[in-house]
Amino acid sequence: MIKSLTCRYIFGSWMNQYHQTGSDMRLKKARILVIDDDADVLTAVRVLLRTEVKEVHTTRNPEQIPQLLLQYAFDLVLLDMNFNASINTGNEGIYWLKRIREIKPLVQVIMITAYGDIDLAVRSLKEGAADFMVKPWHNDKLISAMESVLEKTGGVGDAKAKEQLLASHSNIVGSSAEMEDIFIKISKIAPTDANILILGENGTGKDLIATAVHEQSMRKNQPFVKVDVGALTESLFEGELFGHKKGAFTDAREDRIGRFESANGGTLFLDEIGNISLYQQARLLSVLQNRQVTKLGSNQPIPIDIRLICATNLPLTELANENRFRKDLIYRINTVEIVVPPLRKRKADIPLLAEHFARIYAARYMKPNIHFHPLALEKLQSYHFPGNVRELQYTIERAVIMSDGPEIGTADRLFSPLESVPEEESFPENMQLSDVEKKTIRKVVDKHHGNITRAAKELGITRTALYRRLSKYDI
């Protein structure tokens, strides 16, 4: 009843109540998304806004929200609080508000509510909504509220400008606050020639960060050369990086230029640098200090001009251990550092990444229109992803391959059996010291298949002390 009254009110009073003023120019460049399950309401709002905004998109089905948000760069969303097909009865608006905030944190949301849902609308403000409008509304008040929200959040186009910033970094997908900070940092340091050290766990996308830096640098039209130095033995290290002359060693059948020379004028990316030996570090430091390389079997130094980017999965505290890594080399390679957060620290990016990989693998395996049930995305976000983005990528590929229809649901097996222990099972629920100790002892003894000597050594106690604890905890 309220919705039909709203429609009559909008159609009947639009021409009388709403008059263009200079202030409505703020909306001229805005893209608006309206979600309401009443077709008459959508028609009324579309008529009201079509001459006032750049684009207005409408949908009756809230499950289209993720796809629309990924397809278009909206400045503002008008979201109804209730839908006929409920996900969480009485809280549909809150549910979809959270989903919008997860997928596009920069997009502002105005909730549309009836008088009876005022308490729920106030709760929506606490969940991140910018404002709410009560049905039936005055058209000039709706326009004013939209202008006010856009003005407070940096103006029309601010969200699109930030999305363009996020989209300008090669194949990196992410819109979380953590990734936005990284993108801003990249935009500042990429145009310089400063050496960069990228830190992060395996699978977080350090190589993509390095590529993005190169693509935004002054050297973007020059070579980008990547070397996994952690995989090079000491016998191969110098020849691979610095090159060699014919006859320098047994298998040197011809002259070969090294990776430093190959990257001359461009960017050299040394991945897994934390795994090289102290001898290799000394040779690398010499080249970086002198800015020249000498091929194996030659005495002639060759000048080099490179931008150096290094990456490692070791934390900086471990690199600072001089028994493992030379501090003078750290200072040389670490003019600026970029720390890439693990996926569990930026769960807001999981839906974006999941949709991104789903599109890739749906095209590869000829399964068009693949999409996720909302609860399947929730299941992904509740998982801790020890393998980070790489594990998520293979998870989505497996789900696409195994799916029987276009929708990936919660019943589909999403996670790899390689990671069988969920994050929440890492510690006992009550967290008492005795229970933590018991769980740790059992885990280490199982790891060493009952070998008490090895288990005691890993735990840092004697065999006798370990036997006492085994008896104490009846293990």
Protein backbone atom coordinates (compact mmCIF):
# COMPACT_ATOMS: atom_id res chain seq x y z
CA MET A 1 0.00 0.00 0.00
CA ILE A 2 2.77 2.41 0.94
CA LYS A 3 4.64 1.64 -2.27
CA SER A 4 1.61 2.30 -4.47
CA LEU A 5 0.96 5.55 -2.61
CA THR A 6 4.56 6.47 -3.19
CA CYS A 7 4.22 5.90 -6.94
CA ARG A 8 1.08 8.05 -7.20
CA TYR A 9 2.76 10.71 -5.10
CA ILE A 10 5.84 10.80 -7.31
CA PHE A 11 3.94 10.83 -10.60
CA GLY A 12 1.28 13.25 -9.39
CA SER A 13 3.50 15.82 -7.77
CA TRP A 14 6.72 15.62 -9.74
CA MET A 15 6.05 18.53 -12.10
CA ASN A 16 4.51 20.67 -9.36
CA GLN A 17 7.05 20.12 -6.61
CA TYR A 18 10.37 19.72 -8.35
CA HIS A 19 11.89 22.71 -10.10
CA GLN A 20 15.43 22.79 -11.44
CA THR A 21 17.87 24.96 -9.58
CA GLY A 22 21.58 25.56 -9.91
CA SER A 23 22.28 23.02 -7.18
CA ASP A 24 20.99 20.07 -9.24
CA MET A 25 24.06 20.40 -11.47
CA ARG A 26 25.92 18.32 -8.89
CA LEU A 27 24.02 15.29 -10.10
CA LYS A 28 24.62 15.80 -13.81
CA LYS A 29 27.69 13.54 -13.91
CA ALA A 30 26.48 10.97 -11.39
CA ARG A 31 25.72 7.31 -12.05
CA ILE A 32 22.88 6.05 -9.87
CA LEU A 33 21.68 2.52 -9.10
CA VAL A 34 18.16 2.01 -7.69
CA ILE A 35 17.04 -1.33 -6.22
CA ASP A 36 13.38 -1.88 -5.33
CA ASP A 37 11.08 -4.86 -5.96
CA ASP A 38 8.18 -2.59 -6.94
CA ALA A 39 8.30 -1.91 -10.69
CA ASP A 40 6.14 1.23 -10.33
CA VAL A 41 8.57 2.77 -7.86
CA LEU A 42 11.48 2.07 -10.22
CA THR A 43 9.62 3.65 -13.12
CA ALA A 44 8.82 6.73 -11.06
CA VAL A 45 12.40 7.19 -9.88
CA ARG A 46 13.74 6.59 -13.38
CA VAL A 47 11.45 9.32 -14.75
CA LEU A 48 12.48 11.67 -11.95
CA LEU A 49 16.21 11.15 -12.36
CA ARG A 50 16.71 10.57 -16.06
CA THR A 51 17.23 14.28 -16.83
CA GLU A 52 19.06 14.99 -13.56
CA VAL A 53 21.88 12.43 -13.61
CA LYS A 54 24.29 11.02 -16.17
CA GLU A 55 22.98 7.46 -15.84
CA VAL A 56 20.30 5.72 -13.80
CA HIS A 57 20.13 1.93 -13.59
CA THR A 58 17.31 0.07 -11.89
CA THR A 59 16.64 -3.51 -10.87
CA ARG A 60 13.94 -5.36 -8.97
CA ASN A 61 16.24 -8.28 -8.13
CA PRO A 62 18.80 -7.54 -5.40
CA GLU A 63 20.82 -10.61 -6.41
CA GLN A 64 21.91 -8.64 -9.49
CA ILE A 65 23.67 -6.12 -7.24
CA PRO A 66 27.14 -7.78 -7.30
CA GLN A 67 27.13 -8.06 -11.09
CA LEU A 68 25.94 -4.46 -11.59
CA LEU A 69 28.50 -3.08 -9.13
CA LEU A 70 31.31 -4.88 -10.95
CA GLN A 71 30.03 -3.79 -14.36
CA TYR A 72 29.45 -0.08 -13.68
CA ALA A 73 31.12 2.63 -11.59
CA PHE A 74 28.20 3.98 -9.56
CA ASP A 75 28.43 7.11 -7.42
CA LEU A 76 25.30 6.42 -5.38
CA VAL A 77 22.89 3.56 -4.67
CA LEU A 78 19.25 3.91 -3.59
CA LEU A 79 18.40 0.67 -1.79
CA ASP A 80 15.00 -0.51 -0.55
CA MET A 81 14.91 -2.05 2.93
CA ASN A 82 12.63 -4.99 2.09
CA PHE A 83 12.11 -7.35 -0.82
CA ASN A 84 9.55 -10.01 -1.58
CA ALA A 85 12.22 -12.70 -1.90
CA SER A 86 13.89 -12.37 1.48
CA ILE A 87 17.37 -13.52 2.36
CA ASN A 88 17.06 -12.63 6.01
CA THR A 89 13.44 -11.65 6.68
CA GLY A 90 13.12 -8.06 7.88
CA ASN A 91 16.80 -7.41 7.33
CA GLU A 92 17.17 -7.70 3.56
CA GLY A 93 18.25 -4.08 3.26
CA ILE A 94 20.94 -4.49 5.91
CA TYR A 95 22.19 -7.65 4.21
CA TRP A 96 22.51 -6.00 0.81
CA LEU A 97 23.96 -2.82 2.31
CA LYS A 98 26.78 -4.93 3.77
CA ARG A 99 27.30 -6.67 0.42
CA ILE A 100 27.55 -3.32 -1.37
CA ARG A 101 30.05 -2.06 1.21
CA GLU A 102 32.11 -5.24 0.75
CA ILE A 103 32.15 -5.12 -3.04
CA LYS A 104 32.45 -1.33 -3.50
CA PRO A 105 33.45 0.38 -0.25
CA LEU A 106 33.60 3.79 -1.96
CA VAL A 107 30.01 3.76 -3.23
CA GLN A 108 27.52 5.65 -1.03
CA VAL A 109 24.11 4.16 -0.17
CA ILE A 110 20.82 5.86 0.68
CA MET A 111 18.28 3.47 2.20
CA ILE A 112 14.61 3.66 1.18
CA THR A 113 12.26 2.72 4.01
CA ALA A 114 8.64 2.80 5.13
CA TYR A 115 7.60 4.48 8.39
CA GLY A 116 7.43 1.15 10.19
CA ASP A 117 11.10 0.44 9.45
CA ILE A 118 12.60 3.57 11.02
CA ASP A 119 14.52 1.60 13.67
CA LEU A 120 15.96 -0.62 10.96
CA ALA A 121 16.89 2.45 8.92
CA VAL A 122 18.74 3.96 11.90
CA ARG A 123 20.61 0.66 12.25
CA SER A 124 21.56 0.92 8.59
CA LEU A 125 23.39 4.18 9.34
CA LYS A 126 25.54 2.30 11.84
CA GLU A 127 26.27 -0.29 9.13
CA GLY A 128 27.60 2.35 6.75
CA ALA A 129 24.59 3.87 4.96
CA ALA A 130 25.03 7.55 4.11
CA ASP A 131 21.36 8.48 4.70
CA PHE A 132 17.81 7.13 4.51
CA MET A 133 14.58 8.37 2.95
CA VAL A 134 11.11 7.56 4.29
CA LYS A 135 8.29 6.70 1.87
CA PRO A 136 6.49 8.60 0.52
CA TRP A 137 9.09 11.31 0.02
CA HIS A 138 9.06 14.78 -1.52
CA ASN A 139 11.05 14.72 -4.73
CA ASP A 140 12.99 17.85 -3.92
CA LYS A 141 14.05 16.30 -0.59
CA LEU A 142 15.27 13.16 -2.35
CA ILE A 143 17.29 15.24 -4.80
CA SER A 144 18.66 17.35 -1.96
CA ALA A 145 19.67 14.25 0.01
CA MET A 146 21.47 12.81 -3.00
CA GLU A 147 23.35 16.07 -3.57
CA SER A 148 24.27 16.30 0.12
CA VAL A 149 25.68 12.76 0.20
CA LEU A 150 27.74 13.33 -2.93
CA GLU A 151 29.03 16.65 -1.63
CA LYS A 152 30.08 15.18 1.74
CA THR A 153 31.93 12.30 0.13
CA GLY A 154 34.10 14.40 -2.14
CA GLY A 155 31.73 15.27 -4.94
CA VAL A 156 30.39 13.60 -8.06
CA GLY A 157 32.97 11.47 -9.80
CA ASP A 158 35.10 10.95 -6.69
CA ALA A 159 34.20 7.27 -6.47
CA LYS A 160 34.81 6.86 -10.21
CA ALA A 161 38.16 8.62 -9.95
CA LYS A 162 39.21 6.30 -7.17
CA GLU A 163 37.99 3.28 -9.12
CA GLN A 164 40.08 4.42 -12.07
CA LEU A 165 43.04 4.60 -9.71
CA LEU A 166 42.33 1.05 -8.54
CA ALA A 167 41.85 -0.17 -12.11
CA SER A 168 45.09 1.36 -13.37
CA HIS A 169 47.34 -1.16 -11.67
CA SER A 170 47.83 -3.96 -14.19
CA ASN A 171 45.78 -7.04 -13.26
CA ILE A 172 45.48 -6.26 -9.55
CA VAL A 173 41.92 -6.65 -8.28
CA GLY A 174 40.91 -4.98 -5.03
CA SER A 175 39.04 -2.02 -3.62
CA SER A 176 39.60 -2.49 0.11
CA ALA A 177 41.17 0.28 2.19
CA GLU A 178 44.36 -1.80 2.46
CA MET A 179 44.71 -2.13 -1.31
CA GLU A 180 43.77 1.48 -1.91
CA ASP A 181 46.69 2.50 0.33
CA ILE A 182 49.00 0.32 -1.76
CA PHE A 183 47.72 1.81 -5.02
CA ILE A 184 48.28 5.33 -3.73
CA LYS A 185 51.79 4.37 -2.66
CA ILE A 186 52.51 2.88 -6.09
CA SER A 187 51.30 6.04 -7.84
CA LYS A 188 53.73 8.10 -5.76
CA ILE A 189 56.85 5.95 -6.05
CA ALA A 190 56.46 4.44 -9.54
CA PRO A 191 57.57 7.60 -11.42
CA THR A 192 60.81 7.70 -9.39
CA ASP A 193 63.83 5.42 -9.71
CA ALA A 194 63.78 4.46 -6.03
CA ASN A 195 64.59 0.83 -5.24
CA ILE A 196 61.55 -1.00 -3.84
CA LEU A 197 61.26 -3.97 -1.50
CA ILE A 198 57.89 -5.78 -1.63
CA LEU A 199 57.04 -7.82 1.46
CA GLY A 200 54.21 -10.32 1.78
CA GLU A 201 53.23 -13.94 2.22
CA ASN A 202 53.30 -16.39 -0.67
CA GLY A 203 50.35 -15.98 -2.99
CA THR A 204 49.56 -12.35 -2.15
CA GLY A 205 50.49 -11.03 -5.61
CA LYS A 206 53.89 -9.43 -5.06
CA ASP A 207 54.79 -9.98 -8.72
CA LEU A 208 51.66 -8.06 -9.79
CA ILE A 209 52.70 -5.14 -7.59
CA ALA A 210 56.15 -5.15 -9.21
CA THR A 211 54.58 -5.19 -12.68
CA ALA A 212 52.26 -2.32 -11.76
CA VAL A 213 55.21 -0.22 -10.56
CA HIS A 214 57.04 -0.81 -13.85
CA GLU A 215 53.96 -0.03 -15.96
CA GLN A 216 53.55 3.34 -14.23
CA SER A 217 57.24 4.24 -14.27
CA MET A 218 59.26 6.32 -16.70
CA ARG A 219 60.79 3.01 -17.87
CA LYS A 220 57.47 1.42 -18.88
CA ASN A 221 58.54 1.15 -22.56
CA GLN A 222 61.79 -0.58 -21.59
CA PRO A 223 62.33 -4.24 -20.53
CA PHE A 224 60.80 -5.71 -17.37
CA VAL A 225 62.93 -8.71 -16.37
CA LYS A 226 61.93 -11.07 -13.56
CA VAL A 227 64.32 -13.49 -11.85
CA ASP A 228 63.47 -15.98 -9.10
CA VAL A 229 66.84 -15.64 -7.41
CA GLY A 230 65.82 -17.96 -4.58
CA ALA A 231 65.80 -20.84 -7.06
CA LEU A 232 69.34 -20.18 -8.35
CA THR A 233 72.17 -22.29 -6.99
CA GLU A 234 75.46 -20.55 -6.20
CA SER A 235 77.00 -22.05 -9.35
CA LEU A 236 74.25 -20.58 -11.54
CA PHE A 237 73.76 -17.30 -9.69
CA GLU A 238 76.51 -15.19 -11.24
CA GLY A 239 76.18 -16.56 -14.76
CA GLU A 240 72.42 -16.04 -14.75
CA LEU A 241 72.52 -12.51 -13.35
CA PHE A 242 75.79 -11.16 -14.74
CA GLY A 243 76.30 -13.26 -17.88
CA HIS A 244 79.36 -15.22 -19.05
CA LYS A 245 81.88 -15.44 -21.87
CA LYS A 246 82.35 -18.48 -24.08
CA GLY A 247 84.62 -21.00 -22.32
CA ALA A 248 84.16 -19.42 -18.86
CA PHE A 249 83.15 -22.87 -17.58
CA THR A 250 82.58 -26.33 -19.02
CA ASP A 251 79.10 -25.77 -20.53
CA ALA A 252 79.71 -22.17 -21.62
CA ARG A 253 79.61 -22.81 -25.39
CA GLU A 254 78.81 -19.19 -26.32
CA ASP A 255 78.70 -15.69 -24.88
CA ARG A 256 75.59 -14.93 -22.90
CA ILE A 257 74.30 -11.68 -21.43
CA GLY A 258 72.94 -11.78 -17.89
CA ARG A 259 69.63 -10.55 -16.52
CA PHE A 260 71.14 -7.23 -15.44
CA GLU A 261 72.16 -6.47 -19.02
CA SER A 262 68.81 -7.70 -20.35
CA ALA A 263 67.05 -5.21 -18.08
CA ASN A 264 69.32 -2.31 -19.00
CA GLY A 265 67.24 0.86 -19.26
CA GLY A 266 64.26 -0.91 -17.65
CA THR A 267 63.29 -2.70 -14.44
CA LEU A 268 64.87 -5.76 -12.83
CA PHE A 269 62.61 -7.68 -10.46
CA LEU A 270 64.44 -10.06 -8.10
CA ASP A 271 61.85 -12.34 -6.50
CA GLU A 272 62.43 -14.32 -3.27
CA ILE A 273 65.58 -12.38 -2.49
CA GLY A 274 65.36 -13.44 1.14
CA ASN A 275 66.46 -16.95 0.14
CA ILE A 276 69.91 -16.14 -1.30
CA SER A 277 73.12 -16.95 0.57
CA LEU A 278 75.45 -14.43 2.21
CA TYR A 279 77.97 -14.98 -0.61
CA GLN A 280 75.34 -14.24 -3.23
CA GLN A 281 74.30 -11.16 -1.25
CA ALA A 282 77.90 -9.89 -1.29
CA ARG A 283 78.12 -10.27 -5.09
CA LEU A 284 74.77 -8.55 -5.57
CA LEU A 285 75.73 -5.68 -3.27
CA SER A 286 78.93 -5.07 -5.24
CA VAL A 287 77.00 -4.76 -8.49
CA LEU A 288 74.41 -2.41 -6.99
CA GLN A 289 77.07 -0.19 -5.45
CA ASN A 290 79.18 0.07 -8.58
CA ARG A 291 76.32 0.01 -11.07
CA GLN A 292 78.28 -2.30 -13.34
CA VAL A 293 78.55 -6.02 -13.96
CA THR A 294 81.48 -8.18 -15.01
CA LYS A 295 80.70 -11.35 -16.93
CA LEU A 296 82.19 -14.64 -15.83
CA GLY A 297 85.39 -15.19 -17.83
CA SER A 298 85.86 -11.46 -18.46
CA ASN A 299 87.64 -8.56 -16.77
CA GLN A 300 85.70 -5.87 -18.62
CA PRO A 301 83.03 -4.15 -16.45
CA ILE A 302 79.78 -3.24 -18.20
CA PRO A 303 77.78 -0.19 -16.96
CA ILE A 304 74.13 -0.89 -16.14
CA ASP A 305 71.13 1.37 -15.75
CA ILE A 306 68.26 -0.42 -14.03
CA ARG A 307 65.41 0.22 -11.64
CA LEU A 308 65.55 -2.51 -8.96
CA ILE A 309 62.51 -4.12 -7.36
CA CYS A 310 62.93 -6.99 -4.89
CA ALA A 311 60.40 -9.20 -3.13
CA THR A 312 60.43 -11.73 -0.32
CA ASN A 313 57.98 -13.64 1.85
CA LEU A 314 60.20 -13.08 4.89
CA PRO A 315 59.17 -10.37 7.36
CA LEU A 316 61.54 -7.42 7.70
CA THR A 317 62.45 -8.52 11.24
CA GLU A 318 63.94 -11.75 9.86
CA LEU A 319 65.81 -9.88 7.15
CA ALA A 320 67.30 -7.69 9.86
CA ASN A 321 69.07 -10.75 11.32
CA GLU A 322 72.67 -10.29 10.08
CA ASN A 323 73.30 -14.02 10.35
CA ARG A 324 70.78 -14.38 7.55
CA PHE A 325 70.88 -11.15 5.57
CA ARG A 326 73.34 -8.26 5.21
CA LYS A 327 71.97 -5.01 6.58
CA ASP A 328 73.95 -2.96 4.06
CA LEU A 329 72.16 -4.84 1.28
CA ILE A 330 68.76 -4.23 2.91
CA TYR A 331 69.45 -0.49 2.94
CA ARG A 332 70.50 -0.68 -0.71
CA ILE A 333 67.37 -2.49 -1.94
CA ASN A 334 64.85 -0.94 0.46
CA THR A 335 64.56 2.74 -0.35
CA VAL A 336 60.80 2.24 -0.11
CA GLU A 337 58.94 -0.84 1.08
CA ILE A 338 55.46 -2.05 0.15
CA VAL A 339 53.81 -4.56 2.46
CA VAL A 340 51.13 -6.61 0.69
CA PRO A 341 48.53 -7.79 3.25
CA PRO A 342 47.40 -11.42 3.28
CA LEU A 343 43.92 -12.08 1.92
CA ARG A 344 42.55 -12.76 5.42
CA LYS A 345 43.39 -9.14 6.29
CA ARG A 346 41.40 -7.75 3.34
CA LYS A 347 38.34 -9.97 3.14
CA ALA A 348 36.36 -7.16 1.52
CA ASP A 349 38.27 -7.97 -1.69
CA ILE A 350 37.23 -11.63 -1.77
CA PRO A 351 33.91 -11.11 -3.66
CA LEU A 352 35.68 -8.93 -6.25
CA LEU A 353 38.44 -11.49 -6.73
CA ALA A 354 35.99 -14.40 -6.83
CA GLU A 355 33.90 -12.72 -9.54
CA HIS A 356 37.08 -11.83 -11.46
CA PHE A 357 38.39 -15.40 -11.47
CA ALA A 358 34.92 -16.80 -12.20
CA ARG A 359 34.71 -14.71 -15.38
CA ILE A 360 38.16 -15.90 -16.48
CA TYR A 361 37.47 -19.59 -15.94
CA ALA A 362 33.88 -19.46 -17.17
CA ALA A 363 35.25 -18.22 -20.50
CA ARG A 364 38.08 -20.77 -20.51
CA TYR A 365 35.82 -23.75 -19.80
CA MET A 366 32.91 -22.46 -21.89
CA LYS A 367 30.47 -22.12 -19.00
CA PRO A 368 28.74 -18.79 -19.63
CA ASN A 369 26.74 -16.88 -17.01
CA ILE A 370 28.55 -18.45 -14.04
CA HIS A 371 27.67 -16.58 -10.86
CA PHE A 372 27.75 -17.08 -7.09
CA HIS A 373 24.88 -17.57 -4.72
CA PRO A 374 25.22 -14.82 -2.07
CA LEU A 375 25.71 -17.42 0.65
CA ALA A 376 28.56 -18.98 -1.36
CA LEU A 377 30.33 -15.62 -1.32
CA GLU A 378 29.74 -15.45 2.43
CA LYS A 379 31.29 -18.91 2.73
CA LEU A 380 34.36 -17.70 0.83
CA GLN A 381 34.67 -14.64 3.06
CA SER A 382 34.49 -16.73 6.23
CA TYR A 383 37.49 -18.83 5.13
CA HIS A 384 41.01 -17.79 6.14
CA PHE A 385 42.82 -18.63 2.84
CA PRO A 386 46.30 -19.60 4.06
CA GLY A 387 47.34 -19.74 0.39
CA ASN A 388 46.07 -16.20 -0.14
CA VAL A 389 44.96 -14.99 -3.60
CA ARG A 390 46.65 -17.92 -5.33
CA GLU A 391 44.57 -20.38 -3.30
CA LEU A 392 41.39 -18.38 -4.01
CA GLN A 393 42.18 -18.48 -7.74
CA TYR A 394 42.52 -22.27 -7.78
CA THR A 395 39.44 -22.57 -5.54
CA ILE A 396 37.32 -20.66 -8.05
CA GLU A 397 38.76 -22.59 -11.00
CA ARG A 398 37.85 -25.87 -9.30
CA ALA A 399 34.34 -24.59 -8.46
CA VAL A 400 33.72 -23.51 -12.06
CA ILE A 401 34.90 -26.87 -13.42
CA MET A 402 32.77 -28.88 -10.97
CA SER A 403 29.63 -26.74 -11.18
CA ASP A 404 26.59 -28.43 -12.73
CA GLY A 405 24.78 -25.21 -13.56
CA PRO A 406 25.39 -21.48 -13.83
CA GLU A 407 25.25 -20.89 -10.07
CA ILE A 408 28.02 -21.78 -7.63
CA GLY A 409 26.28 -22.55 -4.35
CA THR A 410 27.19 -23.38 -0.78
CA ALA A 411 26.86 -27.12 -1.41
CA ASP A 412 29.73 -27.04 -3.90
CA ARG A 413 33.08 -28.05 -2.48
CA LEU A 414 35.04 -24.82 -2.59
CA PHE A 415 38.14 -25.38 -0.52
CA SER A 416 41.17 -27.55 -1.03
CA PRO A 417 41.69 -30.59 1.23
CA LEU A 418 45.35 -29.47 1.46
CA GLU A 419 44.24 -26.92 4.04
CA SER A 420 42.18 -29.14 6.34
CA VAL A 421 42.44 -27.17 9.58
CA PRO A 422 40.21 -24.06 9.64
CA GLU A 423 41.56 -20.91 11.24
CA GLU A 424 39.07 -21.07 14.10
CA GLU A 425 40.42 -24.51 15.13
CA SER A 426 43.95 -23.23 15.59
CA PHE A 427 43.38 -22.73 19.33
CA PRO A 428 41.01 -24.21 21.91
CA GLU A 429 37.86 -22.22 22.49
CA ASN A 430 38.50 -21.55 26.19
CA MET A 431 42.15 -20.57 25.57
CA GLN A 432 43.32 -21.95 28.96
CA LEU A 433 47.09 -22.39 29.08
CA SER A 434 46.85 -26.11 29.87
CA ASP A 435 44.61 -26.72 26.86
CA VAL A 436 46.90 -24.74 24.57
CA GLU A 437 49.89 -26.75 25.80
CA LYS A 438 48.04 -30.06 25.37
CA LYS A 439 46.95 -29.19 21.83
CA THR A 440 50.49 -28.05 20.89
CA ILE A 441 52.13 -31.21 22.25
CA ARG A 442 49.64 -33.46 20.47
CA LYS A 443 50.12 -31.58 17.20
CA VAL A 444 53.94 -31.78 17.34
CA VAL A 445 53.98 -35.47 18.36
CA ASP A 446 51.59 -36.28 15.50
CA LYS A 447 53.74 -34.25 13.12
CA HIS A 448 56.76 -36.42 13.95
CA HIS A 449 54.70 -39.64 13.89
CA GLY A 450 55.32 -40.37 17.57
CA ASN A 451 59.08 -39.76 17.47
CA ILE A 452 59.57 -38.35 21.00
CA THR A 453 63.15 -37.21 20.39
CA ARG A 454 62.23 -35.05 17.41
CA ALA A 455 59.05 -33.77 19.06
CA ALA A 456 60.94 -32.77 22.23
CA LYS A 457 63.59 -31.00 20.15
CA GLU A 458 60.98 -28.96 18.26
CA LEU A 459 59.17 -28.10 21.51
CA GLY A 460 62.46 -27.01 23.11
CA ILE A 461 62.23 -29.40 26.08
CA THR A 462 63.93 -32.63 27.12
CA ARG A 463 62.57 -36.09 26.36
CA THR A 464 61.93 -36.62 30.09
CA ALA A 465 59.96 -33.37 30.32
CA LEU A 466 57.92 -34.33 27.27
CA TYR A 467 57.12 -37.78 28.74
CA ARG A 468 55.93 -36.08 31.94
CA ARG A 469 53.55 -33.86 29.94
CA LEU A 470 52.32 -36.81 27.86
CA SER A 471 51.44 -38.58 31.07
CA LYS A 472 49.90 -35.45 32.60
CA TYR A 473 47.58 -34.88 29.66
CA ASP A 474 46.95 -38.58 29.00
CA ILE A 475 48.19 -38.28 25.42
